[in-house]
Amino acid sequence: MLLLPFSLGEPELVVEANPALSPVHIVPEWYLLFAYSILRSVNSKPLGVILVAVTLGLLYLLALNSSTQVKLRRLARVVGLVGFVLFVLLR
């Protein structure tokens, strides 16, 4: 046992990890799929985190009640359009 420590274990434990490839069995929950797809589509980690933060900020702006805040109505339309374009590009 001391000479061959992996002889009775899983062969998957010996395979070298590849950080660019996620295992097939790892699937995020449905409410995190947008962030997962953004992070997978961008090569740079800081840029991916910034894009996820921008997306969450856009979702927050869309959630504001635009009937009481007339100034944000036009901004909400632009944010909706940008969100739609991002959705189409990331699909």
Protein backbone atom coordinates (compact mmCIF):
# COMPACT_ATOMS: atom_id res chain seq x y z
CA MET A 1 0.00 0.00 0.00
CA LEU A 2 2.86 2.40 0.72
CA LEU A 3 4.53 1.71 -2.62
CA LEU A 4 1.39 2.00 -4.77
CA PRO A 5 -0.97 4.41 -2.99
CA PHE A 6 -3.42 4.77 -5.92
CA SER A 7 -3.65 1.06 -6.77
CA LEU A 8 -7.04 0.63 -5.05
CA GLY A 9 -8.40 4.13 -5.63
CA GLU A 10 -10.21 5.94 -8.40
CA PRO A 11 -8.28 6.34 -11.67
CA GLU A 12 -9.81 9.84 -12.00
CA LEU A 13 -7.67 11.00 -9.08
CA VAL A 14 -4.49 10.51 -11.09
CA VAL A 15 -5.61 12.57 -14.12
CA GLU A 16 -3.99 16.00 -14.21
CA ALA A 17 -6.46 18.87 -13.79
CA ASN A 18 -7.26 21.11 -16.75
CA PRO A 19 -8.48 24.55 -15.58
CA ALA A 20 -9.79 25.41 -19.07
CA LEU A 21 -12.21 22.48 -19.15
CA SER A 22 -15.06 22.03 -16.71
CA PRO A 23 -16.11 18.48 -15.87
CA VAL A 24 -19.30 17.36 -17.60
CA HIS A 25 -21.11 16.51 -14.38
CA ILE A 26 -20.73 20.06 -12.98
CA VAL A 27 -23.79 22.10 -13.95
CA PRO A 28 -24.74 25.31 -12.14
CA GLU A 29 -28.24 25.95 -10.89
CA TRP A 30 -30.64 27.61 -13.33
CA TYR A 31 -30.41 30.99 -11.58
CA LEU A 32 -26.61 31.08 -12.05
CA LEU A 33 -26.51 30.01 -15.71
CA PHE A 34 -26.22 33.59 -17.01
CA ALA A 35 -23.15 34.27 -14.84
CA TYR A 36 -21.65 30.88 -15.71
CA SER A 37 -22.05 31.52 -19.44
CA ILE A 38 -20.55 35.01 -19.16
CA LEU A 39 -17.55 33.72 -17.21
CA ARG A 40 -17.01 30.86 -19.67
CA SER A 41 -17.19 33.15 -22.72
CA VAL A 42 -14.53 35.61 -21.51
CA ASN A 43 -10.85 34.65 -21.31
CA SER A 44 -9.95 37.21 -18.66
CA LYS A 45 -11.16 36.59 -15.09
CA PRO A 46 -11.33 40.29 -14.07
CA LEU A 47 -13.23 41.19 -17.24
CA GLY A 48 -15.64 38.32 -16.63
CA VAL A 49 -16.30 39.48 -13.07
CA ILE A 50 -16.84 43.04 -14.32
CA LEU A 51 -19.30 41.82 -16.97
CA VAL A 52 -21.23 39.79 -14.39
CA ALA A 53 -21.37 42.87 -12.13
CA VAL A 54 -22.59 45.02 -15.03
CA THR A 55 -25.24 42.44 -15.86
CA LEU A 56 -26.44 42.37 -12.25
CA GLY A 57 -26.50 46.16 -12.24
CA LEU A 58 -28.60 46.16 -15.41
CA LEU A 59 -31.00 43.68 -13.85
CA TYR A 60 -31.25 45.92 -10.78
CA LEU A 61 -32.04 48.95 -12.95
CA LEU A 62 -34.71 46.98 -14.80
CA ALA A 63 -36.29 46.00 -11.49
CA LEU A 64 -36.82 49.63 -10.50
CA ASN A 65 -40.35 50.88 -10.75
CA SER A 66 -40.17 53.18 -13.76
CA SER A 67 -43.72 54.53 -13.34
CA THR A 68 -42.72 56.50 -10.24
CA GLN A 69 -39.31 57.45 -11.58
CA VAL A 70 -39.94 59.02 -14.95
CA LYS A 71 -36.30 59.89 -15.52
CA LEU A 72 -35.30 56.23 -15.57
CA ARG A 73 -37.86 55.19 -18.19
CA ARG A 74 -35.59 55.92 -21.15
CA LEU A 75 -32.63 54.39 -19.33
CA ALA A 76 -34.68 51.26 -18.62
CA ARG A 77 -35.43 50.90 -22.33
CA VAL A 78 -31.76 51.25 -23.23
CA VAL A 79 -30.80 48.79 -20.50
CA GLY A 80 -33.41 46.35 -21.78
CA LEU A 81 -32.08 46.66 -25.30
CA VAL A 82 -28.49 46.17 -24.13
CA GLY A 83 -29.58 43.16 -22.09
CA PHE A 84 -31.33 41.67 -25.10
CA VAL A 85 -28.27 42.22 -27.30
CA LEU A 86 -26.04 40.60 -24.64
CA PHE A 87 -28.46 37.69 -24.42
CA VAL A 88 -28.35 37.15 -28.18
CA LEU A 89 -24.54 37.48 -28.32
CA LEU A 90 -23.95 35.08 -25.43
CA ARG A 91 -26.38 32.48 -26.65
